[in-house]
Amino acid sequence: MAPRKPAKKLDSAEPASPGEPASPPELAAPGEVPIPVGPQGNRAILTDANIARLTFILAMLLLGAVLGVVYLNHQPATGNVTGAGNHHTLDSPYSARPFFRGQAQAQSSFGAGHSVPRTLSFDYLNHGYQWFSMTDINTPTPTKQYDAVGLVTMAGEQVQYPFGVFLAYGVDRFVVVDTPQKAIDWIHGDAGAVFLATPLVPPAPDYAGIRGLKGLDGIQIYDARVARDQPALGDATALWDRLLTAGDRLWGIVGDDTLEGAGPASTLGTTAVDVQVPDQTPVLIEAALKQGAFVDTTGVRVLGVSDDNNVVTVVTSDATEIRFIGARGEVLQVSHGSRGDYKVRWNEGYIRAEAIRAGDGAKAWTQPIFVNP
């Protein structure tokens, strides 16, 4: 057999002269695997076998990333941790944002009231309110009827049925229904927030009936007009505690429910609902009501609510006493002064606060912070 001719070195090959056809690649000797040559004279690396290996590695990396995301998404929230292996968390609706003063219930001449809508709006603006919702009975009064420079107006309505009354926010119509649950459903279907109004006044559902409602955002815990005319029925705080103790996560809201803009019959300016929002817009205010990011007051100004390092802190501008309240309405602690700090024990169920001002008896209510032991 003739000796095999040595192959040329690829890196020393001379380019073909202009006009001269390129020499064909040398053929391998019989029984020798040919060496693929790339466009620059390098050996090709993307063989079928290498492509298969690369595809497998990429698939494994992608699978690992997906499994990692699934694992993290199914881990319990760390929250506040005390003790080895024990995870305690607090569900608080509050943030570090400031509060904006507003009114969530009043009626104009478009409903049962006696003041023109825009006049009522100016009355609230002159009392220092920053947002306002007109809640005429079964009448979604358009906000353009009571817009005022410097006052954010949010659509609202007091929807009244033979089986109960609801405060609805963010809705622009009235729908006739025959059960409380259907009332909640249509309001939520219109992306609204819904609170059971005056829950102690007939024909409101009883305790068992309220517990059976699904999707209720909260109940009215204080109605200024009803508290003046029917003192025993105006404050539903005890009912609120009973529902919270049973496990119902409901926010509490207050309202002037005024029918007059001025005079001895007016309750205008008696209450306020102060919301925490990143910007004062109707959509964000409604969202704050749904999420419980607000405090209620009949005069005491709450400056902040926090739950850092397992301590719930309430800061006010003018309270003389702050009571921390838990399940069954039990008073957990009384702090004297304008600030209160409560160390969480993890058996409270929920923690809310009432800030009271001596002298005139003005009060503020925080929303419950739920305790997960």
Protein backbone atom coordinates (compact mmCIF):
# COMPACT_ATOMS: atom_id res chain seq x y z
CA MET A 1 0.00 0.00 0.00
CA ALA A 2 1.34 3.42 -0.85
CA PRO A 3 2.29 5.55 2.15
CA ARG A 4 -0.37 8.10 3.19
CA LYS A 5 0.30 11.62 2.13
CA PRO A 6 0.65 13.98 5.15
CA ALA A 7 -2.15 16.52 5.48
CA LYS A 8 -1.46 20.19 5.04
CA LYS A 9 -1.42 22.37 8.09
CA LEU A 10 -4.57 24.38 8.02
CA ASP A 11 -3.03 27.45 9.56
CA SER A 12 -0.36 27.62 6.88
CA ALA A 13 -2.57 27.14 3.85
CA GLU A 14 -2.07 29.81 1.26
CA PRO A 15 -5.09 31.52 -0.21
CA ALA A 16 -5.87 30.91 -3.84
CA SER A 17 -4.64 33.46 -6.33
CA PRO A 18 -7.23 35.79 -7.79
CA GLY A 19 -9.14 34.09 -10.52
CA GLU A 20 -7.82 30.71 -9.51
CA PRO A 21 -10.41 28.23 -8.27
CA ALA A 22 -10.04 27.08 -4.67
CA SER A 23 -8.53 23.66 -4.20
CA PRO A 24 -11.00 21.05 -3.04
CA PRO A 25 -10.57 19.81 0.53
CA GLU A 26 -8.39 16.76 0.91
CA LEU A 27 -10.16 13.52 1.46
CA ALA A 28 -9.38 11.41 4.48
CA ALA A 29 -7.68 8.13 4.03
CA PRO A 30 -9.87 5.05 4.04
CA GLY A 31 -10.94 4.17 7.61
CA GLU A 32 -10.17 7.66 8.97
CA VAL A 33 -12.94 9.90 10.39
CA PRO A 34 -12.96 13.19 8.51
CA ILE A 35 -12.31 16.34 10.54
CA PRO A 36 -14.99 18.99 9.85
CA VAL A 37 -13.55 22.34 8.99
CA GLY A 38 -15.31 25.64 9.80
CA PRO A 39 -15.31 28.73 7.68
CA GLN A 40 -12.17 30.07 9.38
CA GLY A 41 -10.36 26.79 9.34
CA ASN A 42 -11.37 25.76 12.89
CA ARG A 43 -12.89 22.49 13.81
CA ALA A 44 -16.70 22.68 14.02
CA ILE A 45 -17.95 22.28 17.61
CA LEU A 46 -21.74 22.31 17.08
CA THR A 47 -22.05 18.66 16.30
CA ASP A 48 -25.35 16.86 16.83
CA ALA A 49 -24.00 15.37 20.04
CA ASN A 50 -22.88 18.76 21.41
CA ILE A 51 -26.19 20.40 20.51
CA ALA A 52 -28.03 17.66 22.38
CA ARG A 53 -25.82 18.14 25.45
CA LEU A 54 -26.32 21.93 25.37
CA THR A 55 -30.09 21.56 25.02
CA PHE A 56 -30.17 19.19 28.00
CA ILE A 57 -28.11 21.58 30.18
CA LEU A 58 -30.34 24.56 29.31
CA ALA A 59 -33.48 22.53 30.03
CA MET A 60 -32.11 21.53 33.44
CA LEU A 61 -31.25 25.16 34.27
CA LEU A 62 -34.72 26.31 33.27
CA LEU A 63 -36.35 23.54 35.30
CA GLY A 64 -34.27 24.48 38.33
CA ALA A 65 -35.32 28.12 38.05
CA VAL A 66 -39.00 27.18 37.78
CA LEU A 67 -38.79 24.87 40.79
CA GLY A 68 -37.03 27.61 42.75
CA VAL A 69 -39.83 30.11 42.04
CA VAL A 70 -42.49 27.56 42.99
CA TYR A 71 -40.67 26.81 46.24
CA LEU A 72 -40.36 30.47 47.22
CA ASN A 73 -43.99 31.21 46.36
CA HIS A 74 -45.20 28.43 48.65
CA GLN A 75 -43.15 29.43 51.68
CA PRO A 76 -45.04 31.07 54.58
CA ALA A 77 -44.47 34.77 55.11
CA THR A 78 -41.63 35.42 57.53
CA GLY A 79 -43.39 38.30 59.26
CA ASN A 80 -42.32 38.96 62.84
CA VAL A 81 -40.40 35.98 64.17
CA THR A 82 -40.01 35.16 67.83
CA GLY A 83 -38.37 31.99 69.11
CA ALA A 84 -36.71 29.22 67.18
CA GLY A 85 -39.10 27.60 64.75
CA ASN A 86 -42.06 29.80 65.76
CA HIS A 87 -43.34 32.19 63.08
CA HIS A 88 -45.67 34.96 64.25
CA THR A 89 -47.09 37.52 61.85
CA LEU A 90 -49.26 40.61 62.03
CA ASP A 91 -51.65 41.54 59.23
CA SER A 92 -51.87 45.33 59.31
CA PRO A 93 -53.62 47.57 56.79
CA TYR A 94 -51.38 50.51 57.64
CA SER A 95 -48.27 51.98 56.04
CA ALA A 96 -45.97 54.92 56.71
CA ARG A 97 -48.09 57.30 54.62
CA PRO A 98 -49.87 60.36 56.09
CA PHE A 99 -53.63 60.42 56.64
CA PHE A 100 -56.03 62.55 54.57
CA ARG A 101 -59.22 63.73 56.24
CA GLY A 102 -62.52 62.87 54.58
CA GLN A 103 -66.25 62.36 55.00
CA ALA A 104 -67.94 59.14 53.92
CA GLN A 105 -71.63 59.86 54.59
CA ALA A 106 -73.88 62.86 54.00
CA GLN A 107 -77.11 63.49 52.10
CA SER A 108 -78.08 66.40 49.86
CA SER A 109 -81.37 67.61 48.46
CA PHE A 110 -80.97 64.97 45.75
CA GLY A 111 -81.75 62.44 48.48
CA ALA A 112 -83.25 62.95 51.94
CA GLY A 113 -81.16 66.03 52.77
CA HIS A 114 -81.95 69.72 52.45
CA SER A 115 -78.73 71.25 51.11
CA VAL A 116 -77.73 71.66 47.49
CA PRO A 117 -74.92 69.16 46.71
CA ARG A 118 -72.27 71.77 45.88
CA THR A 119 -73.13 73.86 48.92
CA LEU A 120 -72.65 70.80 51.11
CA SER A 121 -69.31 70.19 49.41
CA PHE A 122 -68.12 73.71 50.19
CA ASP A 123 -69.26 73.29 53.80
CA TYR A 124 -66.99 70.24 54.18
CA LEU A 125 -64.13 72.00 52.41
CA ASN A 126 -64.45 74.92 54.84
CA HIS A 127 -64.32 72.45 57.75
CA GLY A 128 -60.91 71.23 56.60
CA TYR A 129 -61.93 68.05 54.80
CA GLN A 130 -59.81 66.85 51.88
CA TRP A 131 -62.15 64.29 50.31
CA PHE A 132 -65.91 63.78 50.33
CA SER A 133 -68.46 61.22 49.18
CA MET A 134 -72.14 62.13 48.83
CA THR A 135 -74.34 59.21 49.87
CA ASP A 136 -77.89 60.08 48.83
CA ILE A 137 -80.48 57.33 49.34
CA ASN A 138 -80.77 55.11 46.26
CA THR A 139 -79.46 58.04 44.20
CA PRO A 140 -75.94 57.98 42.75
CA THR A 141 -75.44 61.75 42.70
CA PRO A 142 -72.77 62.49 40.04
CA THR A 143 -69.59 63.94 41.51
CA LYS A 144 -69.74 66.76 38.95
CA GLN A 145 -72.74 68.04 40.93
CA TYR A 146 -70.56 68.69 43.98
CA ASP A 147 -66.99 69.08 42.69
CA ALA A 148 -65.02 71.79 44.47
CA VAL A 149 -61.45 72.98 44.00
CA GLY A 150 -59.33 71.56 46.80
CA LEU A 151 -61.74 68.73 47.60
CA VAL A 152 -61.52 65.25 46.06
CA THR A 153 -65.01 63.85 45.43
CA MET A 154 -65.71 60.13 45.24
CA ALA A 155 -68.91 58.52 43.98
CA GLY A 156 -71.05 57.10 46.77
CA GLU A 157 -74.58 56.05 47.58
CA GLN A 158 -76.70 54.85 50.49
CA VAL A 159 -78.51 51.85 49.05
CA GLN A 160 -81.62 51.09 51.05
CA TYR A 161 -83.70 47.91 50.93
CA PRO A 162 -86.44 46.38 53.09
CA PHE A 163 -83.78 44.03 54.53
CA GLY A 164 -81.03 46.55 55.31
CA VAL A 165 -79.04 49.63 54.32
CA PHE A 166 -75.57 49.70 52.79
CA LEU A 167 -72.99 52.38 52.11
CA ALA A 168 -71.57 51.83 48.62
CA TYR A 169 -68.54 53.64 47.22
CA GLY A 170 -67.36 53.78 43.62
CA VAL A 171 -70.76 52.94 42.10
CA ASP A 172 -72.90 55.03 39.75
CA ARG A 173 -76.26 53.24 39.73
CA PHE A 174 -78.90 51.62 41.94
CA VAL A 175 -79.96 48.02 41.46
CA VAL A 176 -83.11 46.45 42.89
CA VAL A 177 -82.39 43.09 44.57
CA ASP A 178 -84.18 40.92 47.09
CA THR A 179 -81.44 39.71 49.49
CA PRO A 180 -78.49 41.30 51.33
CA GLN A 181 -76.06 39.00 49.56
CA LYS A 182 -77.28 40.10 46.15
CA ALA A 183 -76.81 43.72 47.21
CA ILE A 184 -73.18 43.02 48.12
CA ASP A 185 -72.68 41.09 44.90
CA TRP A 186 -73.88 43.83 42.54
CA ILE A 187 -71.84 46.50 44.35
CA HIS A 188 -68.70 44.38 44.13
CA GLY A 189 -69.59 43.54 40.54
CA ASP A 190 -69.40 47.28 39.85
CA ALA A 191 -65.96 47.32 41.56
CA GLY A 192 -67.37 49.15 44.56
CA ALA A 193 -66.70 48.98 48.30
CA VAL A 194 -69.65 48.06 50.54
CA PHE A 195 -70.31 48.57 54.26
CA LEU A 196 -73.42 47.60 56.22
CA ALA A 197 -74.87 50.91 57.48
CA THR A 198 -76.43 51.43 60.93
CA PRO A 199 -76.27 47.69 61.79
CA LEU A 200 -78.22 48.17 65.04
CA VAL A 201 -81.18 49.89 63.36
CA PRO A 202 -83.97 47.67 61.96
CA PRO A 203 -84.27 46.20 59.38
CA ALA A 204 -80.54 45.46 59.48
CA PRO A 205 -79.53 41.79 59.47
CA ASP A 206 -78.87 40.33 62.90
CA TYR A 207 -75.52 38.96 64.08
CA ALA A 208 -76.02 35.56 62.44
CA GLY A 209 -77.23 37.20 59.24
CA ILE A 210 -74.15 39.43 59.05
CA ARG A 211 -71.87 36.46 59.63
CA GLY A 212 -73.48 34.67 56.70
CA LEU A 213 -72.71 37.47 54.24
CA LYS A 214 -69.82 36.93 51.85
CA GLY A 215 -67.68 39.77 50.56
CA LEU A 216 -68.84 42.47 52.99
CA ASP A 217 -66.00 44.99 53.40
CA GLY A 218 -67.13 46.22 56.81
CA ILE A 219 -69.84 47.70 58.99
CA GLN A 220 -70.65 51.20 60.15
CA ILE A 221 -69.54 51.45 63.77
CA TYR A 222 -70.75 55.00 64.41
CA ASP A 223 -73.47 57.16 62.81
CA ALA A 224 -73.44 60.71 64.21
CA ARG A 225 -77.08 61.52 63.41
CA VAL A 226 -78.40 58.21 64.78
CA ALA A 227 -76.18 58.56 67.88
CA ARG A 228 -77.75 61.96 68.53
CA ASP A 229 -81.36 60.91 67.90
CA GLN A 230 -81.19 57.29 69.13
CA PRO A 231 -78.11 57.02 71.38
CA ALA A 232 -78.46 53.28 72.00
CA LEU A 233 -78.36 52.51 68.28
CA GLY A 234 -75.65 54.85 67.03
CA ASP A 235 -72.52 53.05 68.25
CA ALA A 236 -72.00 49.48 66.97
CA THR A 237 -68.47 48.98 68.33
CA ALA A 238 -69.55 46.06 70.54
CA LEU A 239 -71.09 44.28 67.55
CA TRP A 240 -67.89 44.90 65.61
CA ASP A 241 -65.80 43.26 68.34
CA ARG A 242 -68.18 40.31 68.43
CA LEU A 243 -67.83 39.78 64.68
CA LEU A 244 -64.04 40.20 64.78
CA THR A 245 -63.78 37.72 67.64
CA ALA A 246 -65.74 35.17 65.60
CA GLY A 247 -63.15 35.49 62.82
CA ASP A 248 -64.85 37.92 60.45
CA ARG A 249 -62.32 40.33 58.99
CA LEU A 250 -64.42 43.48 58.72
CA TRP A 251 -63.38 47.12 58.75
CA GLY A 252 -65.30 49.72 60.73
CA ILE A 253 -66.41 53.04 59.23
CA VAL A 254 -68.08 56.16 60.64
CA GLY A 255 -70.17 58.93 59.10
CA ASP A 256 -71.93 62.21 59.80
CA ASP A 257 -75.09 61.09 58.01
CA THR A 258 -76.09 64.75 58.04
CA LEU A 259 -79.24 65.99 56.33
CA GLU A 260 -78.45 69.65 56.95
CA GLY A 261 -75.44 71.76 56.04
CA ALA A 262 -75.83 74.06 59.03
CA GLY A 263 -78.06 74.78 62.02
CA PRO A 264 -78.97 72.87 65.18
CA ALA A 265 -80.14 69.81 63.24
CA SER A 266 -76.83 69.48 61.37
CA THR A 267 -74.25 66.82 62.27
CA LEU A 268 -71.82 68.09 59.63
CA GLY A 269 -68.20 67.85 60.79
CA THR A 270 -68.91 65.46 63.67
CA THR A 271 -66.90 62.56 62.21
CA ALA A 272 -64.10 61.95 59.72
CA VAL A 273 -62.61 59.00 57.87
CA ASP A 274 -58.90 59.62 57.40
CA VAL A 275 -57.37 57.48 54.66
CA GLN A 276 -53.78 56.53 53.83
CA VAL A 277 -53.21 56.85 50.08
CA PRO A 278 -50.14 57.51 47.91
CA ASP A 279 -52.14 60.14 46.02
CA GLN A 280 -55.54 61.71 46.58
CA THR A 281 -57.67 60.22 43.82
CA PRO A 282 -61.15 58.67 44.02
CA VAL A 283 -59.86 55.26 42.93
CA LEU A 284 -57.13 55.17 45.59
CA ILE A 285 -59.48 56.41 48.32
CA GLU A 286 -61.97 53.66 47.48
CA ALA A 287 -59.12 51.13 47.53
CA ALA A 288 -58.08 52.37 50.98
CA LEU A 289 -61.62 51.78 52.25
CA LYS A 290 -61.57 48.23 50.87
CA GLN A 291 -58.17 47.51 52.39
CA GLY A 292 -58.79 49.08 55.80
CA ALA A 293 -56.11 51.75 55.33
CA PHE A 294 -58.00 54.38 57.32
CA VAL A 295 -58.88 55.53 60.82
CA ASP A 296 -62.20 56.85 62.11
CA THR A 297 -62.55 59.84 64.37
CA THR A 298 -64.95 62.20 66.10
CA GLY A 299 -62.16 64.71 66.69
CA VAL A 300 -58.92 63.02 67.77
CA ARG A 301 -56.27 63.17 65.05
CA VAL A 302 -54.27 59.98 64.50
CA LEU A 303 -50.85 60.65 63.01
CA GLY A 304 -49.62 57.09 62.55
CA VAL A 305 -50.15 53.40 63.28
CA SER A 306 -47.24 50.95 63.06
CA ASP A 307 -46.32 47.42 64.14
CA ASP A 308 -42.52 47.35 64.19
CA ASN A 309 -40.58 44.74 66.19
CA ASN A 310 -43.72 43.09 67.58
CA VAL A 311 -44.91 46.40 69.06
CA VAL A 312 -48.09 48.13 67.89
CA THR A 313 -47.69 51.89 68.16
CA VAL A 314 -50.41 54.52 67.83
CA VAL A 315 -49.43 58.18 67.66
CA THR A 316 -51.98 61.00 67.91
CA SER A 317 -51.81 64.76 68.14
CA ASP A 318 -54.19 65.30 71.02
CA ALA A 319 -55.38 62.10 72.73
CA THR A 320 -55.03 61.81 76.50
CA GLU A 321 -55.59 58.05 76.64
CA ILE A 322 -55.09 55.18 74.19
CA ARG A 323 -56.75 51.83 74.78
CA PHE A 324 -55.55 48.69 73.01
CA ILE A 325 -58.39 46.23 72.52
CA GLY A 326 -58.40 42.55 71.53
CA ALA A 327 -60.78 39.63 71.13
CA ARG A 328 -64.14 39.83 72.95
CA GLY A 329 -63.56 43.58 73.30
CA GLU A 330 -61.06 43.00 76.09
CA VAL A 331 -58.99 46.05 76.99
CA LEU A 332 -55.41 44.80 76.75
CA GLN A 333 -53.62 47.94 77.85
CA VAL A 334 -54.29 51.59 78.62
CA SER A 335 -51.61 54.14 77.76
CA HIS A 336 -51.83 57.70 79.05
CA GLY A 337 -50.83 60.52 76.74
CA SER A 338 -50.89 61.07 73.01
CA ARG A 339 -48.88 57.92 72.17
CA GLY A 340 -49.32 54.27 73.03
CA ASP A 341 -46.99 51.30 72.54
CA TYR A 342 -48.32 47.77 72.98
CA LYS A 343 -46.11 44.66 73.07
CA VAL A 344 -47.82 41.84 71.16
CA ARG A 345 -48.44 38.63 73.15
CA TRP A 346 -49.57 36.61 70.09
CA ASN A 347 -52.81 35.37 71.69
CA GLU A 348 -54.95 38.48 71.11
CA GLY A 349 -56.66 37.42 67.88
CA TYR A 350 -56.63 41.02 66.72
CA ILE A 351 -55.49 44.36 68.10
CA ARG A 352 -57.25 47.66 67.54
CA ALA A 353 -57.00 50.94 69.41
CA GLU A 354 -59.30 53.66 70.64
CA ALA A 355 -57.74 57.06 71.30
CA ILE A 356 -59.75 59.29 73.63
CA ARG A 357 -59.46 62.98 74.43
CA ALA A 358 -60.46 64.06 77.93
CA GLY A 359 -62.79 67.00 78.22
CA ASP A 360 -64.98 66.67 75.15
CA GLY A 361 -64.85 62.85 74.90
CA ALA A 362 -63.69 62.89 71.26
CA LYS A 363 -62.50 59.50 70.04
CA ALA A 364 -60.60 57.82 67.23
CA TRP A 365 -60.76 54.17 66.19
CA THR A 366 -58.01 52.30 64.35
CA GLN A 367 -58.77 49.30 62.19
CA PRO A 368 -57.88 45.86 63.57
CA ILE A 369 -54.40 44.44 63.11
CA PHE A 370 -54.86 40.68 62.89
CA VAL A 371 -52.57 38.45 64.94
CA ASN A 372 -51.36 35.17 63.43
CA PRO A 373 -49.81 33.15 66.30
